[in-house]
C-alpha atoms as a PDB file:
ATOM      1  CA  MET A   1      99.391 -12.376 235.396  1.00  0.00           C
ATOM      2  CA  ARG A   2     101.093 -13.373 232.144  1.00  0.00           C
ATOM      3  CA  THR A   3      99.779 -10.176 230.468  1.00  0.00           C
ATOM      4  CA  THR A   4     101.240  -8.043 233.266  1.00  0.00           C
ATOM      5  CA  ILE A   5     104.662  -9.678 232.965  1.00  0.00           C
ATOM      6  CA  THR A   6     104.601  -9.226 229.190  1.00  0.00           C
ATOM      7  CA  LEU A   7     103.804  -5.512 229.431  1.00  0.00           C
ATOM      8  CA  ILE A   8     106.492  -4.947 232.055  1.00  0.00           C
ATOM      9  CA  THR A   9     109.010  -6.800 229.934  1.00  0.00           C
ATOM     10  CA  LEU A  10     108.031  -4.789 226.841  1.00  0.00           C
ATOM     11  CA  CYS A  11     108.398  -1.467 228.667  1.00  0.00           C
ATOM     12  CA  ALA A  12     111.782  -2.552 229.986  1.00  0.00           C
ATOM     13  CA  LEU A  13     112.982  -3.491 226.516  1.00  0.00           C
ATOM     14  CA  LEU A  14     111.761  -0.210 225.035  1.00  0.00           C
ATOM     15  CA  SER A  15     113.479   1.675 227.837  1.00  0.00           C
ATOM     16  CA  LEU A  16     116.728  -0.178 227.226  1.00  0.00           C
ATOM     17  CA  GLY A  17     116.437   0.524 223.499  1.00  0.00           C
ATOM     18  CA  ALA A  18     116.002   4.238 224.041  1.00  0.00           C
ATOM     19  CA  SER A  19     118.842   4.298 226.543  1.00  0.00           C
ATOM     20  CA  ALA A  20     121.096   2.501 224.116  1.00  0.00           C
ATOM     21  CA  GLN A  21     120.456   5.194 221.534  1.00  0.00           C
ATOM     22  CA  ASN A  22     121.012   8.249 223.733  1.00  0.00           C
ATOM     23  CA  VAL A  23     120.778   8.504 227.497  1.00  0.00           C
ATOM     24  CA  ASP A  24     121.091  12.315 227.434  1.00  0.00           C
ATOM     25  CA  LYS A  25     118.390  13.285 224.948  1.00  0.00           C
ATOM     26  CA  VAL A  26     115.567  11.578 223.071  1.00  0.00           C
ATOM     27  CA  GLU A  27     114.123  13.893 220.418  1.00  0.00           C
ATOM     28  CA  ASN A  28     110.362  13.828 219.845  1.00  0.00           C
ATOM     29  CA  ASP A  29     108.867  14.696 216.454  1.00  0.00           C
ATOM     30  CA  ILE A  30     106.300  17.244 217.690  1.00  0.00           C
ATOM     31  CA  LEU A  31     107.371  20.582 216.171  1.00  0.00           C
ATOM     32  CA  ASP A  32     105.413  22.358 213.438  1.00  0.00           C
ATOM     33  CA  ASN A  33     106.874  21.951 209.940  1.00  0.00           C
ATOM     34  CA  TYR A  34     105.382  25.231 208.648  1.00  0.00           C
ATOM     35  CA  ALA A  35     103.168  23.425 206.143  1.00  0.00           C
ATOM     36  CA  ARG A  36     101.325  25.715 203.726  1.00  0.00           C
ATOM     37  CA  THR A  37      97.603  25.396 202.995  1.00  0.00           C
ATOM     38  CA  GLU A  38      97.174  26.368 199.360  1.00  0.00           C
ATOM     39  CA  ILE A  39      94.176  28.353 198.110  1.00  0.00           C
ATOM     40  CA  ASN A  40      93.268  27.024 194.681  1.00  0.00           C
ATOM     41  CA  LEU A  41      91.797  29.666 192.391  1.00  0.00           C
ATOM     42  CA  PRO A  42      91.615  29.840 188.583  1.00  0.00           C
ATOM     43  CA  GLN A  43      93.505  32.165 186.314  1.00  0.00           C
ATOM     44  CA  VAL A  44      91.430  34.815 184.549  1.00  0.00           C
ATOM     45  CA  ASP A  45      92.447  35.781 181.005  1.00  0.00           C
ATOM     46  CA  GLY A  46      95.800  34.127 181.678  1.00  0.00           C
ATOM     47  CA  LEU A  47      96.412  36.318 184.749  1.00  0.00           C
ATOM     48  CA  LEU A  48      97.712  34.841 188.002  1.00  0.00           C
ATOM     49  CA  PRO A  49      95.293  34.986 190.989  1.00  0.00           C
ATOM     50  CA  LEU A  50      97.731  36.192 193.667  1.00  0.00           C
ATOM     51  CA  LYS A  51      96.392  36.276 197.229  1.00  0.00           C
ATOM     52  CA  ALA A  52      97.225  39.293 199.402  1.00  0.00           C
ATOM     53  CA  ASP A  53      96.661  40.651 202.882  1.00  0.00           C
ATOM     54  CA  LEU A  54      97.302  44.373 202.490  1.00  0.00           C
ATOM     55  CA  HIS A  55      96.704  45.399 206.110  1.00  0.00           C
ATOM     56  CA  VAL A  56      98.625  43.838 209.029  1.00  0.00           C
ATOM     57  CA  HIS A  57     100.237  45.156 212.215  1.00  0.00           C
ATOM     58  CA  THR A  58     103.241  44.160 214.329  1.00  0.00           C
ATOM     59  CA  LEU A  59     104.788  44.969 217.693  1.00  0.00           C
ATOM     60  CA  LEU A  60     106.400  47.993 216.077  1.00  0.00           C
ATOM     61  CA  SER A  61     103.021  49.727 216.231  1.00  0.00           C
ATOM     62  CA  ASP A  62     100.076  48.203 218.131  1.00  0.00           C
ATOM     63  CA  GLY A  63     100.273  44.588 217.011  1.00  0.00           C
ATOM     64  CA  ALA A  64     101.185  41.633 219.225  1.00  0.00           C
ATOM     65  CA  VAL A  65     103.779  39.780 217.120  1.00  0.00           C
ATOM     66  CA  TRP A  66     107.208  40.339 215.594  1.00  0.00           C
ATOM     67  CA  PRO A  67     107.265  41.263 211.865  1.00  0.00           C
ATOM     68  CA  THR A  68     108.715  37.900 210.791  1.00  0.00           C
ATOM     69  CA  VAL A  69     105.722  36.131 212.346  1.00  0.00           C
ATOM     70  CA  ARG A  70     103.380  37.943 209.933  1.00  0.00           C
ATOM     71  CA  ILE A  71     105.331  36.413 207.044  1.00  0.00           C
ATOM     72  CA  ASP A  72     105.214  32.915 208.531  1.00  0.00           C
ATOM     73  CA  GLU A  73     101.451  33.280 209.050  1.00  0.00           C
ATOM     74  CA  ALA A  74     100.948  34.397 205.462  1.00  0.00           C
ATOM     75  CA  TRP A  75     102.956  31.443 204.193  1.00  0.00           C
ATOM     76  CA  ARG A  76     100.909  28.952 206.223  1.00  0.00           C
ATOM     77  CA  ASP A  77      97.631  30.553 205.058  1.00  0.00           C
ATOM     78  CA  GLY A  78      98.426  30.269 201.347  1.00  0.00           C
ATOM     79  CA  LEU A  79      99.033  33.969 200.687  1.00  0.00           C
ATOM     80  CA  ASP A  80     101.464  35.375 198.124  1.00  0.00           C
ATOM     81  CA  ILE A  81     101.638  39.038 199.177  1.00  0.00           C
ATOM     82  CA  VAL A  82     101.777  40.967 202.463  1.00  0.00           C
ATOM     83  CA  ALA A  83     101.841  44.723 203.104  1.00  0.00           C
ATOM     84  CA  MET A  84     103.373  45.791 206.428  1.00  0.00           C
ATOM     85  CA  THR A  85     101.080  48.657 207.469  1.00  0.00           C
ATOM     86  CA  ASP A  86     102.174  49.639 210.959  1.00  0.00           C
ATOM     87  CA  HIS A  87     100.692  52.880 212.266  1.00  0.00           C
ATOM     88  CA  ILE A  88     102.670  56.078 211.907  1.00  0.00           C
ATOM     89  CA  GLU A  89     100.978  57.891 214.798  1.00  0.00           C
ATOM     90  CA  TYR A  90     100.069  55.083 217.198  1.00  0.00           C
ATOM     91  CA  ARG A  91     103.040  53.170 218.644  1.00  0.00           C
ATOM     92  CA  PRO A  92     102.184  52.097 222.214  1.00  0.00           C
ATOM     93  CA  HIS A  93     105.308  49.925 222.547  1.00  0.00           C
ATOM     94  CA  ASN A  94     107.663  52.756 221.645  1.00  0.00           C
ATOM     95  CA  GLY A  95     108.985  52.993 225.198  1.00  0.00           C
ATOM     96  CA  TYR A  96     110.424  49.491 224.781  1.00  0.00           C
ATOM     97  CA  LEU A  97     110.866  49.185 220.993  1.00  0.00           C
ATOM     98  CA  LYS A  98     112.224  52.371 219.457  1.00  0.00           C
ATOM     99  CA  SER A  99     112.650  52.293 215.698  1.00  0.00           C
ATOM    100  CA  ASP A 100     111.978  54.294 212.591  1.00  0.00           C
ATOM    101  CA  HIS A 101     108.819  53.688 210.569  1.00  0.00           C
ATOM    102  CA  ASN A 102     110.490  51.363 208.051  1.00  0.00           C
ATOM    103  CA  ALA A 103     111.636  48.854 210.657  1.00  0.00           C
ATOM    104  CA  SER A 104     108.847  46.270 210.309  1.00  0.00           C
ATOM    105  CA  TYR A 105     109.469  46.053 206.553  1.00  0.00           C
ATOM    106  CA  ILE A 106     113.241  45.804 206.969  1.00  0.00           C
ATOM    107  CA  ILE A 107     112.968  43.115 209.658  1.00  0.00           C
ATOM    108  CA  ALA A 108     110.420  41.058 207.698  1.00  0.00           C
ATOM    109  CA  LYS A 109     112.125  41.229 204.301  1.00  0.00           C
ATOM    110  CA  PRO A 110     114.675  38.368 204.727  1.00  0.00           C
ATOM    111  CA  THR A 111     111.927  36.029 205.962  1.00  0.00           C
ATOM    112  CA  ALA A 112     109.675  37.106 203.077  1.00  0.00           C
ATOM    113  CA  GLU A 113     112.437  36.226 200.611  1.00  0.00           C
ATOM    114  CA  LYS A 114     112.952  32.863 202.332  1.00  0.00           C
ATOM    115  CA  ARG A 115     109.220  32.083 202.218  1.00  0.00           C
ATOM    116  CA  ASP A 116     108.750  33.454 198.669  1.00  0.00           C
ATOM    117  CA  ILE A 117     106.278  36.075 199.887  1.00  0.00           C
ATOM    118  CA  LEU A 118     106.084  39.381 198.016  1.00  0.00           C
ATOM    119  CA  LEU A 119     106.485  42.095 200.657  1.00  0.00           C
ATOM    120  CA  ILE A 120     105.123  45.619 200.119  1.00  0.00           C
ATOM    121  CA  ARG A 121     106.653  48.516 202.017  1.00  0.00           C
ATOM    122  CA  ALA A 122     103.746  50.452 203.510  1.00  0.00           C
ATOM    123  CA  CYS A 123     102.367  52.339 206.502  1.00  0.00           C
ATOM    124  CA  GLU A 124      98.997  53.382 207.937  1.00  0.00           C
ATOM    125  CA  MET A 125      97.900  56.925 208.654  1.00  0.00           C
ATOM    126  CA  THR A 126      95.600  56.998 211.682  1.00  0.00           C
ATOM    127  CA  ARG A 127      93.411  60.084 212.038  1.00  0.00           C
ATOM    128  CA  ALA A 128      89.856  60.983 212.955  1.00  0.00           C
ATOM    129  CA  LYS A 129      87.183  60.199 210.385  1.00  0.00           C
ATOM    130  CA  SER A 130      86.614  63.925 209.800  1.00  0.00           C
ATOM    131  CA  GLU A 131      90.293  64.255 208.789  1.00  0.00           C
ATOM    132  CA  GLY A 132      90.165  61.349 206.326  1.00  0.00           C
ATOM    133  CA  GLY A 133      90.142  58.404 208.722  1.00  0.00           C
ATOM    134  CA  HIS A 134      92.692  55.644 208.273  1.00  0.00           C
ATOM    135  CA  LEU A 135      94.627  55.361 205.023  1.00  0.00           C
ATOM    136  CA  ASN A 136      97.177  52.746 203.994  1.00  0.00           C
ATOM    137  CA  MET A 137     100.054  54.013 201.882  1.00  0.00           C
ATOM    138  CA  LEU A 138     101.293  51.074 199.777  1.00  0.00           C
ATOM    139  CA  PHE A 139     104.393  50.777 197.570  1.00  0.00           C
ATOM    140  CA  ILE A 140     106.198  53.624 199.326  1.00  0.00           C
ATOM    141  CA  ASN A 141     109.945  54.285 199.304  1.00  0.00           C
ATOM    142  CA  ASP A 142     110.262  55.588 202.856  1.00  0.00           C
ATOM    143  CA  ALA A 143     107.701  55.625 205.670  1.00  0.00           C
ATOM    144  CA  ASN A 144     109.384  58.306 207.776  1.00  0.00           C
ATOM    145  CA  PRO A 145     108.209  61.370 205.786  1.00  0.00           C
ATOM    146  CA  PHE A 146     104.606  60.373 206.531  1.00  0.00           C
ATOM    147  CA  ASP A 147     105.108  61.402 210.172  1.00  0.00           C
ATOM    148  CA  THR A 148     103.341  64.720 209.569  1.00  0.00           C
ATOM    149  CA  GLU A 149     101.077  66.974 211.598  1.00  0.00           C
ATOM    150  CA  LYS A 150      98.408  67.292 208.898  1.00  0.00           C
ATOM    151  CA  MET A 151      96.772  64.384 207.095  1.00  0.00           C
ATOM    152  CA  GLU A 152      96.723  66.350 203.845  1.00  0.00           C
ATOM    153  CA  ASP A 153     100.518  66.619 204.002  1.00  0.00           C
ATOM    154  CA  ALA A 154     100.730  62.839 204.316  1.00  0.00           C
ATOM    155  CA  VAL A 155      98.404  62.372 201.331  1.00  0.00           C
ATOM    156  CA  ASN A 156     100.563  64.739 199.277  1.00  0.00           C
ATOM    157  CA  GLU A 157     103.646  62.788 200.389  1.00  0.00           C
ATOM    158  CA  ALA A 158     101.946  59.672 199.059  1.00  0.00           C
ATOM    159  CA  VAL A 159     101.544  61.427 195.715  1.00  0.00           C
ATOM    160  CA  ARG A 160     105.215  62.457 195.784  1.00  0.00           C
ATOM    161  CA  GLN A 161     106.330  58.868 196.456  1.00  0.00           C
ATOM    162  CA  GLY A 162     103.920  57.401 193.907  1.00  0.00           C
ATOM    163  CA  ALA A 163     102.056  55.403 196.567  1.00  0.00           C
ATOM    164  CA  PHE A 164      98.894  53.377 196.077  1.00  0.00           C
ATOM    165  CA  VAL A 165      96.459  54.633 198.729  1.00  0.00           C
ATOM    166  CA  THR A 166      93.703  52.551 200.343  1.00  0.00           C
ATOM    167  CA  TRP A 167      90.835  53.966 202.402  1.00  0.00           C
ATOM    168  CA  ASN A 168      90.492  51.616 205.365  1.00  0.00           C
ATOM    169  CA  HIS A 169      87.299  50.409 207.114  1.00  0.00           C
ATOM    170  CA  PRO A 170      85.105  53.321 205.938  1.00  0.00           C
ATOM    171  CA  GLY A 171      82.355  52.512 208.455  1.00  0.00           C
ATOM    172  CA  TRP A 172      84.662  52.679 211.485  1.00  0.00           C
ATOM    173  CA  PRO A 173      84.388  53.717 214.309  1.00  0.00           C
ATOM    174  CA  ASP A 174      80.765  54.935 214.214  1.00  0.00           C
ATOM    175  CA  ASN A 175      79.294  52.076 212.109  1.00  0.00           C
ATOM    176  CA  ILE A 176      78.190  54.628 209.487  1.00  0.00           C
ATOM    177  CA  CYS A 177      79.611  53.974 206.029  1.00  0.00           C
ATOM    178  CA  ASP A 178      79.386  57.414 204.444  1.00  0.00           C
ATOM    179  CA  PHE A 179      81.193  58.957 201.506  1.00  0.00           C
ATOM    180  CA  ASN A 180      82.613  61.838 203.511  1.00  0.00           C
ATOM    181  CA  PRO A 181      83.703  65.078 201.816  1.00  0.00           C
ATOM    182  CA  ILE A 182      87.463  64.915 202.476  1.00  0.00           C
ATOM    183  CA  ASN A 183      87.818  61.355 201.153  1.00  0.00           C
ATOM    184  CA  ALA A 184      85.516  62.169 198.232  1.00  0.00           C
ATOM    185  CA  LYS A 185      87.807  65.094 197.356  1.00  0.00           C
ATOM    186  CA  TRP A 186      90.939  62.937 197.391  1.00  0.00           C
ATOM    187  CA  ILE A 187      89.238  60.235 195.330  1.00  0.00           C
ATOM    188  CA  LYS A 188      88.186  62.814 192.736  1.00  0.00           C
ATOM    189  CA  GLU A 189      91.775  64.114 192.645  1.00  0.00           C
ATOM    190  CA  GLY A 190      93.088  60.582 192.079  1.00  0.00           C
ATOM    191  CA  LYS A 191      94.877  60.452 195.443  1.00  0.00           C
ATOM    192  CA  ILE A 192      92.894  57.496 196.861  1.00  0.00           C
ATOM    193  CA  HIS A 193      92.858  54.384 194.677  1.00  0.00           C
ATOM    194  CA  ALA A 194      91.102  51.663 196.685  1.00  0.00           C
ATOM    195  CA  VAL A 195      88.725  51.057 199.577  1.00  0.00           C
ATOM    196  CA  GLU A 196      88.414  48.209 202.039  1.00  0.00           C
ATOM    197  CA  VAL A 197      85.021  46.661 201.417  1.00  0.00           C
ATOM    198  CA  PHE A 198      85.900  44.192 204.184  1.00  0.00           C
ATOM    199  CA  ASN A 199      88.060  44.724 207.268  1.00  0.00           C
ATOM    200  CA  GLU A 200      88.713  42.077 209.947  1.00  0.00           C
ATOM    201  CA  LYS A 201      85.071  40.955 210.453  1.00  0.00           C
ATOM    202  CA  ASP A 202      83.013  43.759 208.899  1.00  0.00           C
ATOM    203  CA  TYR A 203      81.621  43.954 205.366  1.00  0.00           C
ATOM    204  CA  TYR A 204      80.746  47.429 204.034  1.00  0.00           C
ATOM    205  CA  PRO A 205      78.241  46.851 201.189  1.00  0.00           C
ATOM    206  CA  TYR A 206      78.102  50.530 200.181  1.00  0.00           C
ATOM    207  CA  ALA A 207      81.852  50.469 199.603  1.00  0.00           C
ATOM    208  CA  THR A 208      81.397  47.806 196.911  1.00  0.00           C
ATOM    209  CA  THR A 209      79.147  50.195 195.024  1.00  0.00           C
ATOM    210  CA  TRP A 210      81.656  53.040 195.500  1.00  0.00           C
ATOM    211  CA  CYS A 211      84.294  50.887 193.780  1.00  0.00           C
ATOM    212  CA  ASN A 212      82.163  50.740 190.646  1.00  0.00           C
ATOM    213  CA  GLU A 213      81.045  54.376 190.763  1.00  0.00           C
ATOM    214  CA  HIS A 214      84.490  55.873 191.419  1.00  0.00           C
ATOM    215  CA  ASN A 215      86.881  53.336 189.839  1.00  0.00           C
ATOM    216  CA  LEU A 216      88.302  52.121 193.141  1.00  0.00           C
ATOM    217  CA  ALA A 217      89.936  48.744 193.728  1.00  0.00           C
ATOM    218  CA  PRO A 218      88.006  46.588 196.238  1.00  0.00           C
ATOM    219  CA  ILE A 219      90.141  45.293 199.110  1.00  0.00           C
ATOM    220  CA  ALA A 220      89.526  42.679 201.824  1.00  0.00           C
ATOM    221  CA  ALA A 221      92.053  42.625 204.667  1.00  0.00           C
ATOM    222  CA  SER A 222      92.493  41.156 208.124  1.00  0.00           C
ATOM    223  CA  ASP A 223      93.885  44.289 209.833  1.00  0.00           C
ATOM    224  CA  VAL A 224      95.321  41.689 212.198  1.00  0.00           C
ATOM    225  CA  HIS A 225      96.793  42.800 215.534  1.00  0.00           C
ATOM    226  CA  PRO A 226      97.046  39.549 217.562  1.00  0.00           C
ATOM    227  CA  ALA A 227      98.432  36.317 216.148  1.00  0.00           C
ATOM    228  CA  ILE A 228      96.229  35.418 213.173  1.00  0.00           C
ATOM    229  CA  ARG A 229      95.292  32.082 214.777  1.00  0.00           C
ATOM    230  CA  ASP A 230      93.917  33.994 217.767  1.00  0.00           C
ATOM    231  CA  LEU A 231      91.732  36.228 215.593  1.00  0.00           C
ATOM    232  CA  TYR A 232      89.576  33.822 213.545  1.00  0.00           C
ATOM    233  CA  LYS A 233      87.639  30.692 214.446  1.00  0.00           C
ATOM    234  CA  VAL A 234      89.155  27.336 213.565  1.00  0.00           C
ATOM    235  CA  GLY A 235      88.229  26.494 209.979  1.00  0.00           C
ATOM    236  CA  VAL A 236      87.572  30.124 208.958  1.00  0.00           C
ATOM    237  CA  ARG A 237      89.905  31.358 206.236  1.00  0.00           C
ATOM    238  CA  ARG A 238      91.321  34.831 206.778  1.00  0.00           C
ATOM    239  CA  PRO A 239      90.093  37.547 204.380  1.00  0.00           C
ATOM    240  CA  PHE A 240      92.289  38.348 201.404  1.00  0.00           C
ATOM    241  CA  THR A 241      92.380  40.254 198.146  1.00  0.00           C
ATOM    242  CA  ILE A 242      92.836  38.464 194.833  1.00  0.00           C
ATOM    243  CA  ILE A 243      95.148  40.480 192.591  1.00  0.00           C
ATOM    244  CA  PHE A 244      95.149  39.296 188.975  1.00  0.00           C
ATOM    245  CA  ALA A 245      98.715  39.936 187.850  1.00  0.00           C
ATOM    246  CA  LYS A 246     100.630  39.051 184.707  1.00  0.00           C
ATOM    247  CA  GLU A 247     103.655  37.887 186.712  1.00  0.00           C
ATOM    248  CA  ARG A 248     104.542  37.103 190.303  1.00  0.00           C
ATOM    249  CA  THR A 249     106.468  40.320 190.861  1.00  0.00           C
ATOM    250  CA  LEU A 250     105.807  43.502 192.828  1.00  0.00           C
ATOM    251  CA  GLU A 251     105.900  45.508 189.617  1.00  0.00           C
ATOM    252  CA  SER A 252     103.202  43.346 188.065  1.00  0.00           C
ATOM    253  CA  VAL A 253     101.146  43.441 191.285  1.00  0.00           C
ATOM    254  CA  ARG A 254     101.265  47.237 191.290  1.00  0.00           C
ATOM    255  CA  SER A 255     100.266  47.332 187.619  1.00  0.00           C
ATOM    256  CA  ALA A 256      97.288  45.043 188.323  1.00  0.00           C
ATOM    257  CA  MET A 257      96.151  47.208 191.233  1.00  0.00           C
ATOM    258  CA  ASN A 258      96.456  50.332 189.099  1.00  0.00           C
ATOM    259  CA  ALA A 259      94.186  48.576 186.580  1.00  0.00           C
ATOM    260  CA  ARG A 260      91.748  47.700 189.424  1.00  0.00           C
ATOM    261  CA  ARG A 261      92.077  43.957 188.794  1.00  0.00           C
ATOM    262  CA  THR A 262      91.203  42.971 192.366  1.00  0.00           C
ATOM    263  CA  LEU A 263      88.455  41.042 194.109  1.00  0.00           C
ATOM    264  CA  ALA A 264      87.741  41.051 197.841  1.00  0.00           C
ATOM    265  CA  VAL A 265      87.299  37.597 199.409  1.00  0.00           C
ATOM    266  CA  PHE A 266      85.923  37.108 202.922  1.00  0.00           C
ATOM    267  CA  ASN A 267      84.135  34.246 204.671  1.00  0.00           C
ATOM    268  CA  ASN A 268      83.242  32.524 201.365  1.00  0.00           C
ATOM    269  CA  GLN A 269      81.956  35.772 199.860  1.00  0.00           C
ATOM    270  CA  VAL A 270      83.423  37.735 196.969  1.00  0.00           C
ATOM    271  CA  ALA A 271      82.910  41.422 196.134  1.00  0.00           C
ATOM    272  CA  GLY A 272      84.104  43.503 193.223  1.00  0.00           C
ATOM    273  CA  ASN A 273      83.618  44.703 189.690  1.00  0.00           C
ATOM    274  CA  GLU A 274      80.800  42.832 187.936  1.00  0.00           C
ATOM    275  CA  GLU A 275      82.743  42.089 184.743  1.00  0.00           C
ATOM    276  CA  LEU A 276      85.683  40.671 186.713  1.00  0.00           C
ATOM    277  CA  LEU A 277      83.334  38.683 188.963  1.00  0.00           C
ATOM    278  CA  VAL A 278      81.696  37.091 185.909  1.00  0.00           C
ATOM    279  CA  LYS A 279      85.075  36.181 184.422  1.00  0.00           C
ATOM    280  CA  PHE A 280      86.245  34.749 187.738  1.00  0.00           C
ATOM    281  CA  PHE A 281      83.083  32.664 188.157  1.00  0.00           C
ATOM    282  CA  LYS A 282      83.230  31.338 184.595  1.00  0.00           C
ATOM    283  CA  ALA A 283      86.910  30.458 185.016  1.00  0.00           C
ATOM    284  CA  SER A 284      85.963  28.513 188.177  1.00  0.00           C
ATOM    285  CA  ALA A 285      83.036  26.668 186.555  1.00  0.00           C
ATOM    286  CA  ILE A 286      83.261  23.473 184.528  1.00  0.00           C
ATOM    287  CA  LYS A 287      80.045  22.746 182.609  1.00  0.00           C
ATOM    288  CA  GLU A 288      79.547  19.329 180.994  1.00  0.00           C
ATOM    289  CA  MET A 289      76.415  18.895 178.879  1.00  0.00           C
ATOM    290  CA  LEU A 290      74.619  15.543 178.926  1.00  0.00           C
ATOM    291  CA  LEU A 291      72.501  13.877 176.240  1.00  0.00           C
ATOM    292  CA  ASN A 292      69.173  14.484 177.989  1.00  0.00           C
ATOM    293  CA  GLY A 293      69.707  18.263 178.090  1.00  0.00           C
ATOM    294  CA  SER A 294      70.875  18.395 181.679  1.00  0.00           C
ATOM    295  CA  TYR A 295      74.448  19.214 182.663  1.00  0.00           C
ATOM    296  CA  LYS A 296      77.057  18.665 185.341  1.00  0.00           C
ATOM    297  CA  LEU A 297      78.420  21.785 187.017  1.00  0.00           C
ATOM    298  CA  THR A 298      81.729  21.632 188.898  1.00  0.00           C
ATOM    299  CA  ASN A 299      83.089  24.324 191.198  1.00  0.00           C
ATOM    300  CA  ASN A 300      86.787  24.179 190.343  1.00  0.00           C
ATOM    301  CA  SER A 301      87.912  26.597 193.075  1.00  0.00           C
ATOM    302  CA  ASP A 302      88.313  26.757 196.845  1.00  0.00           C
ATOM    303  CA  ILE A 303      85.464  29.282 197.264  1.00  0.00           C
ATOM    304  CA  GLU A 304      82.026  27.742 197.709  1.00  0.00           C
ATOM    305  CA  TRP A 305      79.060  29.082 195.753  1.00  0.00           C
ATOM    306  CA  VAL A 306      75.627  29.810 197.184  1.00  0.00           C
ATOM    307  CA  THR A 307      73.344  29.674 194.141  1.00  0.00           C
ATOM    308  CA  ASN A 308      69.756  29.276 192.994  1.00  0.00           C
ATOM    309  CA  PHE A 309      70.712  25.612 192.411  1.00  0.00           C
ATOM    310  CA  GLY A 310      71.852  25.219 196.014  1.00  0.00           C
ATOM    311  CA  VAL A 311      75.208  25.405 197.759  1.00  0.00           C
ATOM    312  CA  ILE A 312      78.062  24.097 195.612  1.00  0.00           C
ATOM    313  CA  LYS A 313      81.064  23.522 197.813  1.00  0.00           C
ATOM    314  CA  ALA A 314      84.664  23.901 196.740  1.00  0.00           C
ATOM    315  CA  ASN A 315      85.634  21.272 194.133  1.00  0.00           C
ATOM    316  CA  GLN A 316      82.129  19.766 194.192  1.00  0.00           C
ATOM    317  CA  THR A 317      79.937  18.750 191.233  1.00  0.00           C
ATOM    318  CA  ILE A 318      76.132  18.970 191.014  1.00  0.00           C
ATOM    319  CA  MET A 319      73.596  17.934 188.392  1.00  0.00           C
ATOM    320  CA  VAL A 320      71.394  20.621 186.836  1.00  0.00           C
ATOM    321  CA  ASP A 321      68.327  18.938 185.317  1.00  0.00           C
ATOM    322  CA  GLU A 322      66.888  19.729 181.887  1.00  0.00           C
ATOM    323  CA  LYS A 323      64.064  21.847 183.377  1.00  0.00           C
ATOM    324  CA  ASN A 324      66.602  24.251 184.898  1.00  0.00           C
ATOM    325  CA  ALA A 325      69.362  23.955 182.321  1.00  0.00           C
ATOM    326  CA  GLN A 326      68.344  27.151 180.504  1.00  0.00           C
ATOM    327  CA  LYS A 327      68.178  29.262 183.652  1.00  0.00           C
ATOM    328  CA  PRO A 328      71.008  31.673 184.491  1.00  0.00           C
ATOM    329  CA  ILE A 329      72.990  30.978 187.650  1.00  0.00           C
ATOM    330  CA  GLU A 330      72.381  33.404 190.495  1.00  0.00           C
ATOM    331  CA  VAL A 331      75.397  33.494 192.815  1.00  0.00           C
ATOM    332  CA  TYR A 332      74.109  34.924 196.059  1.00  0.00           C
ATOM    333  CA  ASN A 333      77.538  35.243 197.737  1.00  0.00           C
ATOM    334  CA  PHE A 334      79.168  37.219 194.883  1.00  0.00           C
ATOM    335  CA  TYR A 335      78.482  40.969 195.175  1.00  0.00           C
ATOM    336  CA  PRO A 336      78.923  43.457 192.304  1.00  0.00           C
ATOM    337  CA  SER A 337      77.145  46.168 194.350  1.00  0.00           C
ATOM    338  CA  HIS A 338      75.272  46.641 197.605  1.00  0.00           C
ATOM    339  CA  THR A 339      71.906  46.111 195.870  1.00  0.00           C
ATOM    340  CA  LYS A 340      72.335  42.827 193.996  1.00  0.00           C
ATOM    341  CA  SER A 341      74.145  39.519 193.709  1.00  0.00           C
ATOM    342  CA  LEU A 342      75.821  38.146 190.594  1.00  0.00           C
ATOM    343  CA  VAL A 343      73.868  36.607 187.709  1.00  0.00           C
ATOM    344  CA  VAL A 344      75.820  34.513 185.182  1.00  0.00           C
ATOM    345  CA  GLU A 345      74.881  32.898 181.870  1.00  0.00           C
ATOM    346  CA  LEU A 346      77.074  29.847 181.265  1.00  0.00           C
END
């Protein structure tokens, strides 16, 4: 009985206290503070590892969110760069949201500046695979001239505007990743500069090999249409492209992409040029030799390694005994081509 009276008295006192403060409104601290989850990656040759999603959609084409939401999502997810790539041809909400093709960039730009996100003006061409498939035009000046009848005219417009052109999801929609003649022609002519080796949930191993054979930049992108939190499982990091830039500016980002200094990161896997993969791995690894000939190996990055010495999680240290100390490290989740994984001598 005494316990009951005490609880009733306590509740009454708390109620009186709240009422004394404000009888009209009592604010509860339950709103999101837009906290950012950083992705810790090492510099390579003094270059900054900027994280980018170069393929996202908004309500102004066939996405489900307003352009500013894409910036907020990128901020939360630890990204540095976003390219607004709304479709030129496919705009199912146009009966309700009429705008020109630059609108998503223009709307998102103030939020990008507020969040310190580098925003790339871009668009996506959406044609049949036989016509060149889907191409993202990055670093454009104006998206409206890309509204053309022929895909080739759009590609030539990209040349005129000095765009950086990415070949999207090369194995879509037929699940056949083939180096088709029209895209091969544009690559040979220097009109396509990159290929998505990963899009949303699909890895295209052949595309990794194409990057090496045809000097293309490897890209991993979400191609997100719903809210990003509705697309991936809890605990799964969205795919992104590491761009190794001299400075945190759009000019430096473009220069790095021109130089093909990119790696594709997706679901704790990394694909790209072998030399850059080796440099990235070595920059992430801390090796400490011990007196008995063994050594400690620390993964100083947020990407886990799957190796011949076992799984080495992000920021974890393992012991490599003296019997294995002379062996190279095989990194099974780093892909320089579709036929092999990375081998590194530390």
